[in-house]
Amino acid sequence: MTVPGLGTSALQGDLGFVDVLRRMGAEVETDARGTRVRGRANCAASRSP
């Protein structure tokens, strides 16, 4: 999933949630334009409830 506008210079608290996803095992890439989050097949972030 890509979230445009939630980049490295974002002042939003939403960027803090990215750290939670990273700790759950998701692959996170953040640049000036936005944030991309990908769950791995065996990580908690990619499983549906």
PDB file of N, CA and C in Angstrom:
ATOM      1  N   MET A   1       0.846  -1.143   0.000  1.00  0.00           N
ATOM      2  CA  MET A   1       0.000   0.000   0.000  1.00  0.00           C
ATOM      3  C   MET A   1       0.905   1.223   0.000  1.00  0.00           C
ATOM      4  N   THR A   2       0.557   2.216  -0.785  1.00  0.00           N
ATOM      5  CA  THR A   2       1.298   3.469  -0.818  1.00  0.00           C
ATOM      6  C   THR A   2       0.405   4.594  -0.318  1.00  0.00           C
ATOM      7  N   VAL A   3       0.959   5.410   0.578  1.00  0.00           N
ATOM      8  CA  VAL A   3       0.230   6.555   1.116  1.00  0.00           C
ATOM      9  C   VAL A   3       0.935   7.817   0.639  1.00  0.00           C
ATOM     10  N   PRO A   4       0.438   8.435  -0.443  1.00  0.00           N
ATOM     11  CA  PRO A   4       1.069   9.653  -0.940  1.00  0.00           C
ATOM     12  C   PRO A   4       0.885  10.794   0.058  1.00  0.00           C
ATOM     13  N   GLY A   5       1.889  11.649   0.160  1.00  0.00           N
ATOM     14  CA  GLY A   5       1.820  12.792   1.054  1.00  0.00           C
ATOM     15  C   GLY A   5       2.286  12.501   2.470  1.00  0.00           C
ATOM     16  N   LEU A   6       2.483  11.249   2.802  1.00  0.00           N
ATOM     17  CA  LEU A   6       2.974  10.876   4.131  1.00  0.00           C
ATOM     18  C   LEU A   6       4.446  10.538   4.005  1.00  0.00           C
ATOM     19  N   GLY A   7       5.217  11.574   3.666  1.00  0.00           N
ATOM     20  CA  GLY A   7       6.641  11.391   3.406  1.00  0.00           C
ATOM     21  C   GLY A   7       7.516  11.752   4.585  1.00  0.00           C
ATOM     22  N   THR A   8       8.803  11.810   4.342  1.00  0.00           N
ATOM     23  CA  THR A   8       9.787  12.050   5.388  1.00  0.00           C
ATOM     24  C   THR A   8       9.626  13.394   6.072  1.00  0.00           C
ATOM     25  N   SER A   9       9.029  14.360   5.400  1.00  0.00           N
ATOM     26  CA  SER A   9       8.861  15.676   6.016  1.00  0.00           C
ATOM     27  C   SER A   9       7.469  15.865   6.611  1.00  0.00           C
ATOM     28  N   ALA A  10       6.671  14.812   6.652  1.00  0.00           N
ATOM     29  CA  ALA A  10       5.311  14.906   7.184  1.00  0.00           C
ATOM     30  C   ALA A  10       5.337  15.192   8.678  1.00  0.00           C
ATOM     31  N   LEU A  11       4.450  16.065   9.101  1.00  0.00           N
ATOM     32  CA  LEU A  11       4.336  16.395  10.516  1.00  0.00           C
ATOM     33  C   LEU A  11       3.191  15.635  11.173  1.00  0.00           C
ATOM     34  N   GLN A  12       2.568  14.768  10.418  1.00  0.00           N
ATOM     35  CA  GLN A  12       1.405  14.048  10.904  1.00  0.00           C
ATOM     36  C   GLN A  12       1.799  12.943  11.879  1.00  0.00           C
ATOM     37  N   GLY A  13       0.953  12.714  12.865  1.00  0.00           N
ATOM     38  CA  GLY A  13       1.161  11.621  13.797  1.00  0.00           C
ATOM     39  C   GLY A  13       1.023  10.261  13.130  1.00  0.00           C
ATOM     40  N   ASP A  14       0.405  10.235  11.944  1.00  0.00           N
ATOM     41  CA  ASP A  14       0.231   8.974  11.217  1.00  0.00           C
ATOM     42  C   ASP A  14       1.558   8.305  10.924  1.00  0.00           C
ATOM     43  N   LEU A  15       2.598   9.109  10.758  1.00  0.00           N
ATOM     44  CA  LEU A  15       3.903   8.544  10.447  1.00  0.00           C
ATOM     45  C   LEU A  15       4.403   7.678  11.606  1.00  0.00           C
ATOM     46  N   GLY A  16       3.972   7.960  12.828  1.00  0.00           N
ATOM     47  CA  GLY A  16       4.330   7.136  13.980  1.00  0.00           C
ATOM     48  C   GLY A  16       3.761   5.729  13.868  1.00  0.00           C
ATOM     49  N   PHE A  17       2.601   5.602  13.229  1.00  0.00           N
ATOM     50  CA  PHE A  17       1.993   4.280  13.055  1.00  0.00           C
ATOM     51  C   PHE A  17       2.825   3.401  12.145  1.00  0.00           C
ATOM     52  N   VAL A  18       3.584   4.022  11.266  1.00  0.00           N
ATOM     53  CA  VAL A  18       4.466   3.270  10.369  1.00  0.00           C
ATOM     54  C   VAL A  18       5.477   2.468  11.191  1.00  0.00           C
ATOM     55  N   ASP A  19       5.950   3.029  12.299  1.00  0.00           N
ATOM     56  CA  ASP A  19       6.877   2.307  13.163  1.00  0.00           C
ATOM     57  C   ASP A  19       6.230   1.058  13.749  1.00  0.00           C
ATOM     58  N   VAL A  20       4.959   1.143  14.073  1.00  0.00           N
ATOM     59  CA  VAL A  20       4.238  -0.021  14.585  1.00  0.00           C
ATOM     60  C   VAL A  20       4.209  -1.117  13.526  1.00  0.00           C
ATOM     61  N   LEU A  21       3.894  -0.754  12.295  1.00  0.00           N
ATOM     62  CA  LEU A  21       3.868  -1.740  11.208  1.00  0.00           C
ATOM     63  C   LEU A  21       5.243  -2.349  10.984  1.00  0.00           C
ATOM     64  N   ARG A  22       6.277  -1.533  11.082  1.00  0.00           N
ATOM     65  CA  ARG A  22       7.653  -2.024  10.908  1.00  0.00           C
ATOM     66  C   ARG A  22       7.994  -3.036  11.996  1.00  0.00           C
ATOM     67  N   ARG A  23       7.607  -2.757  13.244  1.00  0.00           N
ATOM     68  CA  ARG A  23       7.877  -3.689  14.344  1.00  0.00           C
ATOM     69  C   ARG A  23       7.110  -4.989  14.196  1.00  0.00           C
ATOM     70  N   MET A  24       5.984  -4.934  13.478  1.00  0.00           N
ATOM     71  CA  MET A  24       5.198  -6.138  13.222  1.00  0.00           C
ATOM     72  C   MET A  24       5.780  -6.957  12.076  1.00  0.00           C
ATOM     73  N   GLY A  25       6.816  -6.420  11.425  1.00  0.00           N
ATOM     74  CA  GLY A  25       7.477  -7.169  10.368  1.00  0.00           C
ATOM     75  C   GLY A  25       7.222  -6.676   8.964  1.00  0.00           C
ATOM     76  N   ALA A  26       6.460  -5.603   8.811  1.00  0.00           N
ATOM     77  CA  ALA A  26       6.187  -5.074   7.478  1.00  0.00           C
ATOM     78  C   ALA A  26       7.436  -4.392   6.916  1.00  0.00           C
ATOM     79  N   GLU A  27       7.547  -4.401   5.608  1.00  0.00           N
ATOM     80  CA  GLU A  27       8.618  -3.667   4.929  1.00  0.00           C
ATOM     81  C   GLU A  27       8.103  -2.270   4.648  1.00  0.00           C
ATOM     82  N   VAL A  28       8.825  -1.256   5.126  1.00  0.00           N
ATOM     83  CA  VAL A  28       8.384   0.130   5.010  1.00  0.00           C
ATOM     84  C   VAL A  28       9.446   0.941   4.293  1.00  0.00           C
ATOM     85  N   GLU A  29       9.020   1.693   3.287  1.00  0.00           N
ATOM     86  CA  GLU A  29       9.902   2.614   2.565  1.00  0.00           C
ATOM     87  C   GLU A  29       9.263   3.996   2.620  1.00  0.00           C
ATOM     88  N   THR A  30      10.012   4.981   3.101  1.00  0.00           N
ATOM     89  CA  THR A  30       9.506   6.344   3.172  1.00  0.00           C
ATOM     90  C   THR A  30      10.456   7.260   2.429  1.00  0.00           C
ATOM     91  N   ASP A  31       9.898   8.086   1.552  1.00  0.00           N
ATOM     92  CA  ASP A  31      10.701   9.097   0.871  1.00  0.00           C
ATOM     93  C   ASP A  31       9.955  10.424   0.951  1.00  0.00           C
ATOM     94  N   ALA A  32      10.405  11.419   0.236  1.00  0.00           N
ATOM     95  CA  ALA A  32       9.806  12.754   0.308  1.00  0.00           C
ATOM     96  C   ALA A  32       8.362  12.782  -0.195  1.00  0.00           C
ATOM     97  N   ARG A  33       7.987  11.865  -1.074  1.00  0.00           N
ATOM     98  CA  ARG A  33       6.651  11.879  -1.676  1.00  0.00           C
ATOM     99  C   ARG A  33       5.609  11.084  -0.923  1.00  0.00           C
ATOM    100  N   GLY A  34       6.031  10.036  -0.196  1.00  0.00           N
ATOM    101  CA  GLY A  34       5.053   9.205   0.481  1.00  0.00           C
ATOM    102  C   GLY A  34       5.687   8.012   1.161  1.00  0.00           C
ATOM    103  N   THR A  35       4.839   7.123   1.642  1.00  0.00           N
ATOM    104  CA  THR A  35       5.270   5.937   2.367  1.00  0.00           C
ATOM    105  C   THR A  35       4.664   4.702   1.715  1.00  0.00           C
ATOM    106  N   ARG A  36       5.481   3.688   1.528  1.00  0.00           N
ATOM    107  CA  ARG A  36       5.018   2.422   0.966  1.00  0.00           C
ATOM    108  C   ARG A  36       5.200   1.344   2.030  1.00  0.00           C
ATOM    109  N   VAL A  37       4.136   0.585   2.281  1.00  0.00           N
ATOM    110  CA  VAL A  37       4.165  -0.484   3.275  1.00  0.00           C
ATOM    111  C   VAL A  37       3.792  -1.783   2.588  1.00  0.00           C
ATOM    112  N   ARG A  38       4.619  -2.796   2.815  1.00  0.00           N
ATOM    113  CA  ARG A  38       4.348  -4.129   2.273  1.00  0.00           C
ATOM    114  C   ARG A  38       4.489  -5.143   3.395  1.00  0.00           C
ATOM    115  N   GLY A  39       3.485  -5.982   3.560  1.00  0.00           N
ATOM    116  CA  GLY A  39       3.561  -7.054   4.537  1.00  0.00           C
ATOM    117  C   GLY A  39       4.199  -8.274   3.908  1.00  0.00           C
ATOM    118  N   ARG A  40       4.987  -8.972   4.685  1.00  0.00           N
ATOM    119  CA  ARG A  40       5.559 -10.232   4.212  1.00  0.00           C
ATOM    120  C   ARG A  40       4.574 -11.340   4.519  1.00  0.00           C
ATOM    121  N   ALA A  41       4.669 -12.431   3.807  1.00  0.00           N
ATOM    122  CA  ALA A  41       3.713 -13.533   3.951  1.00  0.00           C
ATOM    123  C   ALA A  41       3.671 -14.077   5.362  1.00  0.00           C
ATOM    124  N   ASN A  42       4.765 -14.022   6.096  1.00  0.00           N
ATOM    125  CA  ASN A  42       4.790 -14.602   7.428  1.00  0.00           C
ATOM    126  C   ASN A  42       4.770 -13.571   8.551  1.00  0.00           C
ATOM    127  N   CYS A  43       4.427 -12.325   8.257  1.00  0.00           N
ATOM    128  CA  CYS A  43       4.436 -11.321   9.313  1.00  0.00           C
ATOM    129  C   CYS A  43       3.007 -11.006   9.753  1.00  0.00           C
ATOM    130  N   ALA A  44       2.873 -10.524  10.973  1.00  0.00           N
ATOM    131  CA  ALA A  44       1.559 -10.212  11.531  1.00  0.00           C
ATOM    132  C   ALA A  44       0.846  -9.110  10.764  1.00  0.00           C
ATOM    133  N   ALA A  45       1.591  -8.201  10.141  1.00  0.00           N
ATOM    134  CA  ALA A  45       0.987  -7.078   9.423  1.00  0.00           C
ATOM    135  C   ALA A  45       0.286  -7.520   8.140  1.00  0.00           C
ATOM    136  N   SER A  46       0.580  -8.687   7.631  1.00  0.00           N
ATOM    137  CA  SER A  46      -0.021  -9.112   6.370  1.00  0.00           C
ATOM    138  C   SER A  46      -1.181 -10.081   6.573  1.00  0.00           C
ATOM    139  N   ARG A  47      -1.484 -10.463   7.812  1.00  0.00           N
ATOM    140  CA  ARG A  47      -2.566 -11.407   8.076  1.00  0.00           C
ATOM    141  C   ARG A  47      -3.878 -10.680   8.308  1.00  0.00           C
ATOM    142  N   SER A  48      -4.948 -11.247   7.802  1.00  0.00           N
ATOM    143  CA  SER A  48      -6.279 -10.697   8.054  1.00  0.00           C
ATOM    144  C   SER A  48      -6.834 -11.331   9.325  1.00  0.00           C
ATOM    145  N   PRO A  49      -7.649 -10.556  10.069  1.00  0.00           N
ATOM    146  CA  PRO A  49      -8.235 -11.117  11.299  1.00  0.00           C
ATOM    147  C   PRO A  49      -9.252 -12.182  10.997  1.00  0.00           C
TER     148      PRO A  49
END
